[in-house]
C-alpha atoms as a PDB file:
ATOM      1  CA  UNK A   1     -14.355 -16.673  11.541  1.00  0.00           C
ATOM      2  CA  UNK A   2     -11.038 -15.360  10.268  1.00  0.00           C
ATOM      3  CA  UNK A   3     -10.607 -11.652  10.848  1.00  0.00           C
ATOM      4  CA  UNK A   4      -7.996  -9.765   8.860  1.00  0.00           C
ATOM      5  CA  UNK A   5      -7.445  -6.135   8.013  1.00  0.00           C
ATOM      6  CA  UNK A   6      -9.066  -5.211   4.697  1.00  0.00           C
ATOM      7  CA  UNK A   7     -11.820  -7.868   4.463  1.00  0.00           C
ATOM      8  CA  UNK A   8     -15.507  -7.002   4.050  1.00  0.00           C
ATOM      9  CA  UNK A   9     -17.836  -7.621   6.997  1.00  0.00           C
ATOM     10  CA  UNK A  10     -21.531  -7.061   7.739  1.00  0.00           C
ATOM     11  CA  UNK A  11     -22.835  -5.770  11.092  1.00  0.00           C
ATOM     12  CA  UNK A  12     -25.440  -8.173  12.533  1.00  0.00           C
ATOM     13  CA  UNK A  13     -26.406  -6.325  15.733  1.00  0.00           C
ATOM     14  CA  UNK A  14     -26.391  -2.868  17.238  1.00  0.00           C
ATOM     15  CA  UNK A  15     -27.085   0.636  15.976  1.00  0.00           C
ATOM     16  CA  UNK A  16     -25.568   0.009  12.522  1.00  0.00           C
ATOM     17  CA  UNK A  17     -27.255  -3.372  11.914  1.00  0.00           C
ATOM     18  CA  UNK A  18     -27.268  -4.389   8.240  1.00  0.00           C
ATOM     19  CA  UNK A  19     -24.432  -2.096   7.129  1.00  0.00           C
ATOM     20  CA  UNK A  20     -21.290  -3.421   5.476  1.00  0.00           C
ATOM     21  CA  UNK A  21     -17.752  -2.109   5.516  1.00  0.00           C
ATOM     22  CA  UNK A  22     -14.035  -2.833   5.407  1.00  0.00           C
ATOM     23  CA  UNK A  23     -11.970  -3.590   8.527  1.00  0.00           C
ATOM     24  CA  UNK A  24      -9.519  -0.760   9.260  1.00  0.00           C
ATOM     25  CA  UNK A  25      -7.995  -1.812  12.586  1.00  0.00           C
ATOM     26  CA  UNK A  26      -8.029  -4.820  14.922  1.00  0.00           C
ATOM     27  CA  UNK A  27      -7.531  -4.914  18.716  1.00  0.00           C
ATOM     28  CA  UNK A  28      -6.931  -8.603  19.442  1.00  0.00           C
ATOM     29  CA  UNK A  29      -6.513  -8.085  23.193  1.00  0.00           C
ATOM     30  CA  UNK A  30     -10.079  -6.717  23.581  1.00  0.00           C
ATOM     31  CA  UNK A  31     -11.556  -8.691  20.602  1.00  0.00           C
ATOM     32  CA  UNK A  32     -12.713  -5.463  18.939  1.00  0.00           C
ATOM     33  CA  UNK A  33     -12.465  -4.174  15.387  1.00  0.00           C
ATOM     34  CA  UNK A  34     -12.821  -0.791  13.688  1.00  0.00           C
ATOM     35  CA  UNK A  35     -14.867  -0.738  10.461  1.00  0.00           C
ATOM     36  CA  UNK A  36     -14.909   2.019   7.849  1.00  0.00           C
ATOM     37  CA  UNK A  37     -17.943   4.353   8.300  1.00  0.00           C
ATOM     38  CA  UNK A  38     -19.499   2.144  11.050  1.00  0.00           C
ATOM     39  CA  UNK A  39     -20.102   3.155  14.702  1.00  0.00           C
ATOM     40  CA  UNK A  40     -19.243   6.813  14.087  1.00  0.00           C
ATOM     41  CA  UNK A  41     -18.642   8.977  17.174  1.00  0.00           C
ATOM     42  CA  UNK A  42     -18.040  12.705  17.583  1.00  0.00           C
ATOM     43  CA  UNK A  43     -14.858  13.887  19.310  1.00  0.00           C
ATOM     44  CA  UNK A  44     -14.376  17.455  20.555  1.00  0.00           C
ATOM     45  CA  UNK A  45     -10.772  18.543  19.994  1.00  0.00           C
ATOM     46  CA  UNK A  46      -8.950  21.600  21.274  1.00  0.00           C
ATOM     47  CA  UNK A  47      -7.263  23.864  18.740  1.00  0.00           C
ATOM     48  CA  UNK A  48      -3.490  23.460  18.432  1.00  0.00           C
ATOM     49  CA  UNK A  49      -0.833  24.884  16.152  1.00  0.00           C
ATOM     50  CA  UNK A  50      -1.295  22.021  13.679  1.00  0.00           C
ATOM     51  CA  UNK A  51      -5.082  21.629  13.644  1.00  0.00           C
ATOM     52  CA  UNK A  52      -8.029  23.979  13.960  1.00  0.00           C
ATOM     53  CA  UNK A  53     -10.012  21.900  16.473  1.00  0.00           C
ATOM     54  CA  UNK A  54     -13.780  21.548  16.721  1.00  0.00           C
ATOM     55  CA  UNK A  55     -16.046  18.517  16.418  1.00  0.00           C
ATOM     56  CA  UNK A  56     -14.583  15.594  14.451  1.00  0.00           C
ATOM     57  CA  UNK A  57     -16.483  12.436  13.416  1.00  0.00           C
ATOM     58  CA  UNK A  58     -14.475   9.204  13.477  1.00  0.00           C
ATOM     59  CA  UNK A  59     -14.954   5.437  13.703  1.00  0.00           C
ATOM     60  CA  UNK A  60     -15.051   3.666  17.043  1.00  0.00           C
ATOM     61  CA  UNK A  61     -14.426   0.008  17.899  1.00  0.00           C
ATOM     62  CA  UNK A  62     -17.158  -2.641  17.759  1.00  0.00           C
ATOM     63  CA  UNK A  63     -16.973  -6.158  19.238  1.00  0.00           C
ATOM     64  CA  UNK A  64     -16.086  -8.835  16.697  1.00  0.00           C
ATOM     65  CA  UNK A  65     -19.055 -11.009  17.706  1.00  0.00           C
ATOM     66  CA  UNK A  66     -21.368  -8.338  16.271  1.00  0.00           C
ATOM     67  CA  UNK A  67     -20.106  -8.791  12.701  1.00  0.00           C
ATOM     68  CA  UNK A  68     -20.014 -11.597  10.153  1.00  0.00           C
ATOM     69  CA  UNK A  69     -17.661 -12.163   7.253  1.00  0.00           C
ATOM     70  CA  UNK A  70     -18.864 -11.523   3.700  1.00  0.00           C
ATOM     71  CA  UNK A  71     -16.870 -13.924   1.549  1.00  0.00           C
ATOM     72  CA  UNK A  72     -16.865 -12.575  -2.017  1.00  0.00           C
ATOM     73  CA  UNK A  73     -15.063 -15.660  -3.362  1.00  0.00           C
ATOM     74  CA  UNK A  74     -17.825 -17.927  -1.980  1.00  0.00           C
ATOM     75  CA  UNK A  75     -20.472 -16.126  -4.083  1.00  0.00           C
ATOM     76  CA  UNK A  76     -18.437 -16.486  -7.309  1.00  0.00           C
ATOM     77  CA  UNK A  77     -18.300 -20.296  -7.152  1.00  0.00           C
ATOM     78  CA  UNK A  78     -20.950 -22.117  -9.156  1.00  0.00           C
ATOM     79  CA  UNK A  79     -21.761 -25.794  -9.346  1.00  0.00           C
ATOM     80  CA  UNK A  80     -20.337 -27.428 -12.436  1.00  0.00           C
ATOM     81  CA  UNK A  81     -21.837 -30.671 -13.631  1.00  0.00           C
ATOM     82  CA  UNK A  82     -20.444 -33.027 -16.248  1.00  0.00           C
ATOM     83  CA  UNK A  83     -22.765 -34.462 -18.878  1.00  0.00           C
END
């Protein structure tokens, strides 16, 4: 399976099984990927001069073996027969 930033994938195991999303970030050393709106976690942040702080929801990494590629181009192809 070719994994690139920006392609659509479907989660096949875990808490978010069945959901689809776009790849945002790839960590090739750990074989993990970050998918938009999948595997959301809550982070508690301290207030600073720039940001107010509080509880922030953000995406976390998921192992690449738990996703499969959704090839949009594959679905568009149709069999053409000559008569």
